[in-house]
Amino acid sequence: MNHLPKLSPKVAPWINELEAQPQLLHRLLEKYGSPVNIHFPKSMEENYRDFQQVFDEYSIKHQVFFARKANKSKNLVEQAHSLGMGIDTASLGELKDCLQMGIAAEKLVVTAAVKNRELIRLAVENQVLIVLDNADECELAQEVARELDLHVNVAFRISGFEVKGKKLYSRFGFDVEKISEFILRYLLRKKRFDCLKYKGLHFHLNGYSTQERALAISHCLDIAKELKPHGLVTEFVDIGGGFLVNYLESQEEWVHFRAELEKAVLGNRAEITFENNGLGLSKVNHELHGELKIYPFWNSKSKGAFLKAILSAETSQGNMLSERILKSGIEVRMEPGRSLLDQVGVTVARVAFRKNDSRNDWLVGLEMNMTQLLSGSADFLLDPILLYQNPDVVKDQEVAVYFTGAYCLERDVILKRKIALPKLPEVGDLVIFVNTAGYMMHFFESSAHLFPLAENLYWNRKQDRVEFADFQTDL
């Protein structure tokens, strides 16, 4: 077997404890089905504190809002709320849930990409801040607020920031060069939107450039300065989410994997992905074309370090961005999702079959489907953990496999990577996919074929040992 590159995941101690309890995991799957998502809500606290420490270091007034769209669980909303976080809601259902859970309006924000009348009405009735994306949303918010004889607190999402002479594209938000005039014209001079109460500015950038985020914050501070003489006080600048998570133990493994993938795509080694998928790369005239469409699963600036790199960036005035923010008195808000869910969850699935395909590759079928572990990037690049019912391994049993799912689609391959295992799994063995709580479990899940959605469990441990009774379903 041609050597396959490893991608060893970072694994929290609670996951190691679960791994050491295979019989308990078998019992959980017997009761709740396969796959099952297991969460450890307490891990959110460490991630939250990581951000807080950076803000405290710079003495910056701040609020962190958990981006609930990253995981649909009410338990995690409750955990975030108990830690003092706000909740970023991206749909009517999410906002309804939070209000029914008793979360105060000032701890909620609506950022949904599409805001219909029902959502706007619920937000206005409860005085929840709405981040407005376009003029039509302004019209709808004004109309609903007037009907209810209420004001509505709003922020404006902006985009189109210029970086190195190039305008950053986004399909969301008002153009940064036009937003000041829009606000002044329609909120003040023409009073077309006199029910909208201006509170702040919002942006969310694609990619993971700290420099771009720092420049965007500076642009927002410039806009705030323009608006202030007209009586429009910017209370906050919301910098969105997209804070990196480091999923992997080894930079060396990450570099090696990328190099081996390039070799495979060029035909200079055996394939390491299903059907030699280049994950964004392709071979054209014996050369590599395209670019990798993968999350930077290994990185050196994750969570708090990523935030610190933004706040410590040098401004055009020669001082640190944090100093300019402090001088402005403006609060910094943020809406992380993935980074608050780092090491919060795993997905466990049961092996249904093993077979050789027509290429003589081993396929290991799991009782799950690709939507229950579907990444927004080209693949989820972490090695899973195998729990063998018969763990004894003898020499020369190593095998390379693809994990496949239950949909009647050729492309239902759970991981595109070919995975090296110490031996072939048996029917009934368990596979643990690590660190899946952020966007992997729920963002794309579907119940096609009438398959039930995966059960979500929460380990609220009450003692040192692992107890079956401590695993509960969602609120």
Protein backbone atom coordinates (compact mmCIF):
# COMPACT_ATOMS: atom_id res chain seq x y z
CA MET A 1 0.00 0.00 0.00
CA ASN A 2 1.41 3.34 -1.10
CA HIS A 3 1.98 5.51 2.01
CA LEU A 4 -0.99 7.74 2.78
CA PRO A 5 -0.44 11.06 4.55
CA LYS A 6 -1.94 11.38 8.01
CA LEU A 7 -3.87 14.35 9.38
CA SER A 8 -3.95 13.80 13.13
CA PRO A 9 -6.71 15.83 14.82
CA LYS A 10 -6.39 17.74 18.05
CA VAL A 11 -8.48 15.79 20.56
CA ALA A 12 -9.88 17.24 23.79
CA PRO A 13 -9.60 15.15 26.99
CA TRP A 14 -13.37 14.56 27.13
CA ILE A 15 -13.19 12.92 23.70
CA ASN A 16 -10.38 10.67 24.92
CA GLU A 17 -12.62 9.67 27.83
CA LEU A 18 -15.42 8.74 25.44
CA GLU A 19 -13.03 6.81 23.23
CA ALA A 20 -12.07 4.74 26.28
CA GLN A 21 -15.74 3.78 26.81
CA PRO A 22 -16.68 1.82 23.65
CA GLN A 23 -19.45 -0.15 25.36
CA LEU A 24 -21.14 3.06 26.46
CA LEU A 25 -20.95 4.41 22.90
CA HIS A 26 -22.47 1.18 21.57
CA ARG A 27 -25.32 1.57 24.06
CA LEU A 28 -25.91 5.17 22.97
CA LEU A 29 -26.12 4.16 19.31
CA GLU A 30 -28.40 1.24 20.15
CA LYS A 31 -30.78 3.68 21.84
CA TYR A 32 -30.51 6.70 19.56
CA GLY A 33 -29.43 5.25 16.20
CA SER A 34 -26.48 5.95 13.93
CA PRO A 35 -25.04 8.47 13.55
CA VAL A 36 -25.28 10.32 16.83
CA ASN A 37 -23.85 13.77 17.59
CA ILE A 38 -22.35 14.07 21.06
CA HIS A 39 -21.66 17.49 22.56
CA PHE A 40 -19.71 18.61 25.61
CA PRO A 41 -21.12 22.11 26.20
CA LYS A 42 -18.56 23.04 28.88
CA SER A 43 -15.87 23.30 26.19
CA MET A 44 -17.50 26.53 24.98
CA GLU A 45 -16.29 28.34 28.06
CA GLU A 46 -12.60 27.95 27.24
CA ASN A 47 -13.18 29.24 23.71
CA TYR A 48 -15.15 32.23 24.97
CA ARG A 49 -12.53 33.09 27.58
CA ASP A 50 -9.86 32.99 24.87
CA PHE A 51 -11.57 35.92 23.13
CA GLN A 52 -12.38 37.76 26.34
CA GLN A 53 -8.75 37.72 27.46
CA VAL A 54 -7.69 39.52 24.29
CA PHE A 55 -10.36 42.20 24.63
CA ASP A 56 -9.44 42.65 28.29
CA GLU A 57 -5.75 42.94 27.40
CA TYR A 58 -6.57 45.96 25.22
CA SER A 59 -9.32 47.26 27.56
CA ILE A 60 -11.79 47.28 24.66
CA LYS A 61 -15.51 47.36 25.36
CA HIS A 62 -17.00 44.31 23.66
CA GLN A 63 -19.84 41.85 23.23
CA VAL A 64 -19.60 38.33 21.81
CA PHE A 65 -22.66 36.85 20.08
CA PHE A 66 -22.72 33.10 19.42
CA ALA A 67 -23.61 32.47 15.75
CA ARG A 68 -26.28 29.86 16.27
CA LYS A 69 -26.39 28.87 12.60
CA ALA A 70 -23.17 26.93 13.20
CA ASN A 71 -25.11 24.40 15.30
CA LYS A 72 -28.88 24.17 15.80
CA SER A 73 -28.80 22.92 19.39
CA LYS A 74 -30.74 24.74 22.08
CA ASN A 75 -28.41 23.34 24.74
CA LEU A 76 -25.50 25.24 23.22
CA VAL A 77 -27.57 28.42 23.06
CA GLU A 78 -28.32 27.96 26.76
CA GLN A 79 -24.63 27.38 27.49
CA ALA A 80 -23.59 30.50 25.56
CA HIS A 81 -26.25 32.56 27.32
CA SER A 82 -25.19 31.29 30.74
CA LEU A 83 -21.61 32.39 30.00
CA GLY A 84 -22.83 35.93 29.24
CA MET A 85 -22.78 35.78 25.46
CA GLY A 86 -25.45 37.14 23.16
CA ILE A 87 -26.96 35.08 20.35
CA ASP A 88 -26.76 35.87 16.63
CA THR A 89 -29.95 34.59 14.97
CA ALA A 90 -30.14 33.91 11.23
CA SER A 91 -33.77 32.83 10.82
CA LEU A 92 -37.28 33.18 12.23
CA GLY A 93 -36.98 29.79 13.93
CA GLU A 94 -33.72 30.72 15.64
CA LEU A 95 -35.13 34.01 16.91
CA LYS A 96 -38.35 32.36 18.14
CA ASP A 97 -36.34 29.74 20.04
CA CYS A 98 -34.20 32.35 21.77
CA LEU A 99 -37.14 34.50 22.79
CA GLN A 100 -39.01 31.44 24.11
CA MET A 101 -35.91 30.55 26.11
CA GLY A 102 -36.19 33.91 27.85
CA ILE A 103 -33.11 35.55 26.32
CA ALA A 104 -33.37 39.34 26.62
CA ALA A 105 -33.66 41.49 23.50
CA GLU A 106 -30.36 43.25 24.14
CA LYS A 107 -28.63 39.89 23.99
CA LEU A 108 -30.03 39.08 20.53
CA VAL A 109 -29.33 40.23 17.00
CA VAL A 110 -30.98 39.29 13.69
CA THR A 111 -28.56 38.88 10.77
CA ALA A 112 -30.61 36.59 8.49
CA ALA A 113 -29.67 36.72 4.80
CA VAL A 114 -33.38 36.92 3.93
CA LYS A 115 -35.72 38.70 6.34
CA ASN A 116 -39.42 38.29 5.62
CA ARG A 117 -42.25 40.24 7.22
CA GLU A 118 -42.84 37.66 9.97
CA LEU A 119 -39.21 37.76 11.08
CA ILE A 120 -39.05 41.57 10.96
CA ARG A 121 -42.32 41.83 12.90
CA LEU A 122 -41.12 39.47 15.64
CA ALA A 123 -37.87 41.44 15.98
CA VAL A 124 -39.65 44.81 16.09
CA GLU A 125 -42.26 43.62 18.60
CA ASN A 126 -39.52 42.42 20.91
CA GLN A 127 -37.12 45.32 20.20
CA VAL A 128 -34.39 43.02 18.90
CA LEU A 129 -31.63 44.69 16.89
CA ILE A 130 -31.81 44.00 13.13
CA VAL A 131 -28.77 44.16 10.86
CA LEU A 132 -30.10 45.58 7.58
CA ASP A 133 -28.57 44.41 4.32
CA ASN A 134 -30.32 46.46 1.62
CA ALA A 135 -32.83 49.21 0.92
CA ASP A 136 -35.75 46.77 0.58
CA GLU A 137 -35.12 45.51 4.11
CA CYS A 138 -35.11 49.12 5.29
CA GLU A 139 -38.50 49.66 3.62
CA LEU A 140 -39.94 46.53 5.23
CA ALA A 141 -38.58 47.36 8.69
CA GLN A 142 -39.95 50.92 8.41
CA GLU A 143 -43.37 49.65 7.29
CA VAL A 144 -43.65 47.08 10.08
CA ALA A 145 -42.42 49.49 12.76
CA ARG A 146 -44.92 52.14 11.64
CA GLU A 147 -47.77 49.61 11.73
CA LEU A 148 -46.80 48.72 15.30
CA ASP A 149 -46.12 52.37 16.25
CA LEU A 150 -42.64 51.40 17.42
CA HIS A 151 -39.05 52.27 16.66
CA VAL A 152 -36.67 49.50 15.61
CA ASN A 153 -33.00 49.33 16.52
CA VAL A 154 -30.87 48.76 13.42
CA ALA A 155 -27.32 48.37 12.23
CA PHE A 156 -26.23 48.49 8.60
CA ARG A 157 -24.19 45.74 7.01
CA ILE A 158 -21.51 47.10 4.71
CA SER A 159 -19.11 45.61 2.20
CA GLY A 160 -16.88 46.55 -0.72
CA PHE A 161 -13.85 47.51 1.38
CA GLU A 162 -10.79 48.42 -0.66
CA VAL A 163 -7.67 46.39 0.10
CA LYS A 164 -4.44 47.00 -1.84
CA GLY A 165 -6.32 48.90 -4.50
CA LYS A 166 -8.89 46.13 -5.03
CA LYS A 167 -12.50 46.18 -3.91
CA LEU A 168 -13.49 43.07 -1.90
CA TYR A 169 -16.61 41.51 -3.38
CA SER A 170 -19.58 40.38 -1.34
CA ARG A 171 -23.19 39.77 -2.31
CA PHE A 172 -24.18 41.08 1.12
CA GLY A 173 -24.44 44.60 2.47
CA PHE A 174 -24.42 48.23 1.37
CA ASP A 175 -21.40 49.57 -0.45
CA VAL A 176 -18.97 51.12 2.00
CA GLU A 177 -18.54 54.19 -0.23
CA LYS A 178 -22.30 54.91 -0.30
CA ILE A 179 -23.53 53.98 3.18
CA SER A 180 -22.88 57.35 4.88
CA GLU A 181 -24.90 59.26 2.30
CA PHE A 182 -27.67 56.62 2.41
CA ILE A 183 -28.01 56.89 6.19
CA LEU A 184 -27.89 60.69 6.23
CA ARG A 185 -30.36 61.07 3.35
CA TYR A 186 -33.01 58.56 4.40
CA LEU A 187 -32.79 58.57 8.19
CA LEU A 188 -32.29 62.31 8.63
CA ARG A 189 -32.88 64.62 5.67
CA LYS A 190 -35.83 62.89 3.97
CA LYS A 191 -36.93 61.02 7.11
CA ARG A 192 -38.04 58.17 4.86
CA PHE A 193 -36.92 55.71 7.52
CA ASP A 194 -37.80 57.71 10.60
CA CYS A 195 -38.77 54.58 12.55
CA LEU A 196 -35.26 53.14 12.20
CA LYS A 197 -33.04 53.92 15.15
CA TYR A 198 -29.37 53.82 14.12
CA LYS A 199 -27.12 51.86 16.46
CA GLY A 200 -24.08 50.67 14.58
CA LEU A 201 -22.27 49.11 11.64
CA HIS A 202 -21.69 45.48 10.73
CA PHE A 203 -19.51 43.51 8.32
CA HIS A 204 -18.55 39.91 7.72
CA LEU A 205 -15.62 39.09 5.46
CA ASN A 206 -14.92 35.88 3.58
CA GLY A 207 -11.48 34.36 3.93
CA TYR A 208 -9.16 34.58 6.90
CA SER A 209 -7.10 37.73 6.42
CA THR A 210 -6.51 39.64 9.65
CA GLN A 211 -5.25 42.59 7.59
CA GLU A 212 -8.53 42.83 5.69
CA ARG A 213 -10.52 42.78 8.93
CA ALA A 214 -8.33 45.48 10.44
CA LEU A 215 -8.82 47.70 7.37
CA ALA A 216 -12.59 47.06 7.49
CA ILE A 217 -12.73 48.15 11.12
CA SER A 218 -10.80 51.33 10.23
CA HIS A 219 -13.28 52.06 7.44
CA CYS A 220 -16.15 51.63 9.90
CA LEU A 221 -14.52 54.02 12.34
CA ASP A 222 -14.18 56.54 9.52
CA ILE A 223 -17.90 56.24 8.75
CA ALA A 224 -18.76 56.62 12.43
CA LYS A 225 -16.72 59.84 12.46
CA GLU A 226 -18.66 61.13 9.44
CA LEU A 227 -22.04 60.42 11.02
CA LYS A 228 -21.34 61.76 14.50
CA PRO A 229 -21.61 65.53 13.72
CA HIS A 230 -25.14 64.81 12.44
CA GLY A 231 -26.24 63.35 15.75
CA LEU A 232 -25.90 59.72 14.65
CA VAL A 233 -23.81 58.00 17.28
CA THR A 234 -22.25 54.68 16.36
CA GLU A 235 -22.52 52.57 19.50
CA PHE A 236 -20.77 49.53 18.06
CA VAL A 237 -18.95 48.03 15.11
CA ASP A 238 -19.79 44.36 14.60
CA ILE A 239 -16.92 42.49 12.91
CA GLY A 240 -18.86 39.27 12.23
CA GLY A 241 -17.28 35.84 12.51
CA GLY A 242 -14.81 33.71 10.58
CA PHE A 243 -12.23 33.36 13.37
CA LEU A 244 -9.86 30.52 12.60
CA VAL A 245 -9.80 27.18 14.40
CA ASN A 246 -6.72 24.96 14.40
CA TYR A 247 -7.99 21.40 13.96
CA LEU A 248 -4.68 19.56 13.57
CA GLU A 249 -1.75 18.55 15.77
CA SER A 250 0.98 18.89 13.17
CA GLN A 251 1.93 21.56 10.67
CA GLU A 252 4.34 19.05 9.15
CA GLU A 253 1.48 16.63 8.41
CA TRP A 254 -0.55 19.45 6.84
CA VAL A 255 2.30 20.53 4.56
CA HIS A 256 3.04 16.91 3.64
CA PHE A 257 -0.61 16.21 2.78
CA ARG A 258 -0.82 19.20 0.46
CA ALA A 259 2.39 18.22 -1.29
CA GLU A 260 1.21 14.62 -1.74
CA LEU A 261 -2.17 15.80 -3.05
CA GLU A 262 -0.41 17.84 -5.74
CA LYS A 263 1.69 14.82 -6.72
CA ALA A 264 -1.41 12.64 -6.94
CA VAL A 265 -3.30 15.14 -9.11
CA LEU A 266 -0.32 15.32 -11.46
CA GLY A 267 -0.18 11.53 -11.59
CA ASN A 268 3.17 11.29 -9.83
CA ARG A 269 1.89 9.04 -7.06
CA ALA A 270 -1.15 6.85 -6.31
CA GLU A 271 -4.38 8.70 -5.54
CA ILE A 272 -5.04 9.83 -1.97
CA THR A 273 -8.59 11.05 -2.60
CA PHE A 274 -11.70 9.45 -4.09
CA GLU A 275 -11.40 9.42 -7.89
CA ASN A 276 -8.24 11.50 -7.42
CA ASN A 277 -10.30 14.55 -6.47
CA GLY A 278 -7.96 17.56 -6.42
CA LEU A 279 -10.09 19.49 -3.87
CA GLY A 280 -9.94 22.45 -6.23
CA LEU A 281 -6.77 21.51 -8.11
CA SER A 282 -6.73 19.92 -11.56
CA LYS A 283 -4.21 18.76 -14.13
CA VAL A 284 -4.14 20.66 -17.42
CA ASN A 285 -1.37 19.99 -19.94
CA HIS A 286 0.76 18.30 -17.28
CA GLU A 287 0.50 21.35 -14.99
CA LEU A 288 -1.48 22.13 -11.85
CA HIS A 289 -4.34 24.58 -12.24
CA GLY A 290 -6.88 26.01 -9.83
CA GLU A 291 -6.51 26.50 -6.09
CA LEU A 292 -7.30 24.40 -3.04
CA LYS A 293 -10.85 24.96 -1.85
CA ILE A 294 -10.25 23.73 1.65
CA TYR A 295 -10.41 25.21 5.12
CA PRO A 296 -6.95 25.90 6.60
CA PHE A 297 -7.31 23.00 9.04
CA TRP A 298 -3.82 23.72 10.38
CA ASN A 299 -3.01 27.35 11.14
CA SER A 300 -0.89 29.27 13.60
CA LYS A 301 -3.38 32.02 14.54
CA SER A 302 -6.63 30.59 15.80
CA LYS A 303 -9.36 32.05 18.00
CA GLY A 304 -7.89 34.62 20.42
CA ALA A 305 -4.58 34.84 18.54
CA PHE A 306 -6.51 35.65 15.37
CA LEU A 307 -8.44 38.42 17.15
CA LYS A 308 -5.21 39.77 18.65
CA ALA A 309 -3.62 39.99 15.22
CA ILE A 310 -6.54 42.16 14.09
CA LEU A 311 -6.53 44.49 17.08
CA SER A 312 -2.73 44.90 17.08
CA ALA A 313 -2.58 45.81 13.39
CA GLU A 314 -0.95 49.13 12.55
CA THR A 315 -3.24 51.85 11.19
CA SER A 316 -2.42 54.40 8.50
CA GLN A 317 -1.85 56.88 11.35
CA GLY A 318 0.97 54.70 12.67
CA ASN A 319 -0.72 53.58 15.87
CA MET A 320 -2.32 50.26 16.79
CA LEU A 321 -5.92 49.66 15.74
CA SER A 322 -6.81 48.89 19.36
CA GLU A 323 -5.71 52.42 20.33
CA ARG A 324 -7.95 53.95 17.70
CA ILE A 325 -10.89 51.84 18.84
CA LEU A 326 -10.33 52.89 22.47
CA LYS A 327 -10.16 56.55 21.51
CA SER A 328 -13.44 56.27 19.59
CA GLY A 329 -15.27 54.78 22.60
CA ILE A 330 -17.06 52.41 20.24
CA GLU A 331 -17.88 48.87 21.34
CA VAL A 332 -16.57 45.96 19.26
CA ARG A 333 -19.02 43.15 18.67
CA MET A 334 -18.34 39.83 17.04
CA GLU A 335 -20.34 36.75 15.98
CA PRO A 336 -18.15 33.65 16.08
CA GLY A 337 -19.67 30.22 15.47
CA ARG A 338 -17.08 27.61 14.55
CA SER A 339 -14.44 29.00 16.93
CA LEU A 340 -16.81 28.90 19.93
CA LEU A 341 -17.56 25.26 19.05
CA ASP A 342 -13.95 24.11 18.86
CA GLN A 343 -13.70 20.69 20.60
CA VAL A 344 -17.39 20.86 21.57
CA GLY A 345 -18.69 17.87 19.58
CA VAL A 346 -18.08 14.57 17.82
CA THR A 347 -20.12 12.48 15.40
CA VAL A 348 -20.20 8.71 15.94
CA ALA A 349 -21.34 6.26 13.26
CA ARG A 350 -21.60 2.48 12.98
CA VAL A 351 -20.02 0.34 10.24
CA ALA A 352 -22.68 -1.35 8.07
CA PHE A 353 -20.55 -3.20 5.49
CA ARG A 354 -17.15 -3.61 3.82
CA LYS A 355 -16.61 -4.31 0.12
CA ASN A 356 -14.12 -4.02 -2.72
CA ASP A 357 -15.25 -1.75 -5.55
CA SER A 358 -14.52 -2.16 -9.24
CA ARG A 359 -11.14 -0.46 -8.73
CA ASN A 360 -10.31 -2.89 -5.93
CA ASP A 361 -10.51 -0.11 -3.32
CA TRP A 362 -12.02 -0.95 0.06
CA LEU A 363 -15.29 0.82 0.77
CA VAL A 364 -16.53 0.91 4.35
CA GLY A 365 -20.23 1.76 4.44
CA LEU A 366 -21.45 3.69 7.47
CA GLU A 367 -24.96 4.11 8.87
CA MET A 368 -25.03 7.81 7.99
CA ASN A 369 -25.03 10.00 4.89
CA MET A 370 -22.75 12.68 3.51
CA THR A 371 -25.02 15.55 4.65
CA GLN A 372 -24.42 14.56 8.27
CA LEU A 373 -20.73 15.42 7.93
CA LEU A 374 -20.66 17.88 5.05
CA SER A 375 -18.14 20.67 5.00
CA GLY A 376 -18.55 24.04 3.33
CA SER A 377 -15.06 23.49 1.94
CA ALA A 378 -14.01 20.69 -0.41
CA ASP A 379 -13.50 18.11 2.35
CA PHE A 380 -13.28 17.60 6.10
CA LEU A 381 -9.58 16.86 6.47
CA LEU A 382 -9.19 15.08 9.81
CA ASP A 383 -8.38 11.45 10.51
CA PRO A 384 -11.27 9.72 12.30
CA ILE A 385 -10.91 7.46 15.36
CA LEU A 386 -11.78 3.77 14.89
CA LEU A 387 -13.21 1.76 17.76
CA TYR A 388 -12.81 -1.92 16.93
CA GLN A 389 -14.92 -4.52 18.71
CA ASN A 390 -11.92 -6.81 18.27
CA PRO A 391 -8.96 -4.45 18.74
CA ASP A 392 -6.21 -7.05 18.26
CA VAL A 393 -4.04 -6.20 15.27
CA VAL A 394 -1.50 -8.54 13.72
CA LYS A 395 1.30 -7.62 11.36
CA ASP A 396 0.49 -6.67 7.74
CA GLN A 397 -3.20 -5.95 8.39
CA GLU A 398 -2.97 -2.25 7.49
CA VAL A 399 -5.56 -1.24 4.92
CA ALA A 400 -6.65 1.89 3.04
CA VAL A 401 -10.38 2.64 2.88
CA TYR A 402 -12.98 5.13 1.78
CA PHE A 403 -15.94 5.73 4.09
CA THR A 404 -19.22 5.80 2.18
CA GLY A 405 -22.77 6.77 3.13
CA ALA A 406 -26.36 5.59 2.75
CA TYR A 407 -27.63 7.81 -0.06
CA CYS A 408 -28.14 6.26 -3.50
CA LEU A 409 -25.54 8.56 -5.00
CA GLU A 410 -22.13 7.64 -6.36
CA ARG A 411 -20.76 10.75 -4.66
CA ASP A 412 -21.99 9.85 -1.16
CA VAL A 413 -18.45 9.47 0.16
CA ILE A 414 -18.19 10.70 3.76
CA LEU A 415 -14.53 11.70 3.51
CA LYS A 416 -12.94 12.23 0.10
CA ARG A 417 -9.56 11.23 1.56
CA LYS A 418 -8.41 7.64 1.47
CA ILE A 419 -7.80 6.73 5.12
CA ALA A 420 -5.10 4.34 6.34
CA LEU A 421 -6.30 2.04 9.14
CA PRO A 422 -4.43 -0.55 11.21
CA LYS A 423 -6.90 -3.16 9.96
CA LEU A 424 -10.20 -3.47 8.11
CA PRO A 425 -13.18 -2.58 10.35
CA GLU A 426 -15.86 -5.17 11.02
CA VAL A 427 -19.62 -4.68 10.80
CA GLY A 428 -20.72 -2.98 14.01
CA ASP A 429 -17.41 -1.22 14.69
CA LEU A 430 -17.65 2.51 15.46
CA VAL A 431 -16.09 5.51 13.75
CA ILE A 432 -15.65 8.78 15.66
CA PHE A 433 -15.34 11.96 13.60
CA VAL A 434 -13.68 14.55 15.83
CA ASN A 435 -14.54 18.24 16.34
CA THR A 436 -17.67 18.33 14.19
CA ALA A 437 -19.93 20.67 16.22
CA GLY A 438 -19.06 23.76 14.16
CA TYR A 439 -20.96 23.67 10.85
CA MET A 440 -20.34 19.95 10.17
CA MET A 441 -23.33 18.39 11.95
CA HIS A 442 -26.31 20.49 10.97
CA PHE A 443 -25.54 23.09 8.33
CA PHE A 444 -26.30 20.86 5.32
CA GLU A 445 -28.07 17.88 6.91
CA SER A 446 -31.05 16.44 5.08
CA SER A 447 -33.52 13.62 5.57
CA ALA A 448 -33.72 12.39 1.96
CA HIS A 449 -34.80 8.73 1.62
CA LEU A 450 -36.84 9.51 4.78
CA PHE A 451 -33.76 8.86 6.90
CA PRO A 452 -34.18 10.47 10.33
CA LEU A 453 -31.87 13.31 11.26
CA ALA A 454 -29.11 12.41 13.70
CA GLU A 455 -29.96 12.61 17.40
CA ASN A 456 -28.07 15.29 19.31
CA LEU A 457 -26.82 14.33 22.76
CA TYR A 458 -25.24 16.48 25.47
CA TRP A 459 -22.84 15.21 28.08
CA ASN A 460 -23.53 17.23 31.20
CA ARG A 461 -21.21 15.32 33.47
CA LYS A 462 -22.09 15.24 37.13
CA GLN A 463 -19.17 13.16 38.40
CA ASP A 464 -15.67 12.03 37.48
CA ARG A 465 -16.72 8.81 35.78
CA VAL A 466 -18.59 8.51 32.50
CA GLU A 467 -22.25 7.62 33.10
CA PHE A 468 -24.86 6.64 30.48
CA ALA A 469 -27.52 8.68 32.32
CA ASP A 470 -25.48 11.88 31.89
CA PHE A 471 -26.12 11.94 28.13
CA GLN A 472 -29.30 13.88 27.44
CA THR A 473 -31.16 14.96 24.31
CA ASP A 474 -31.69 18.61 23.34
CA LEU A 475 -33.79 20.98 25.45
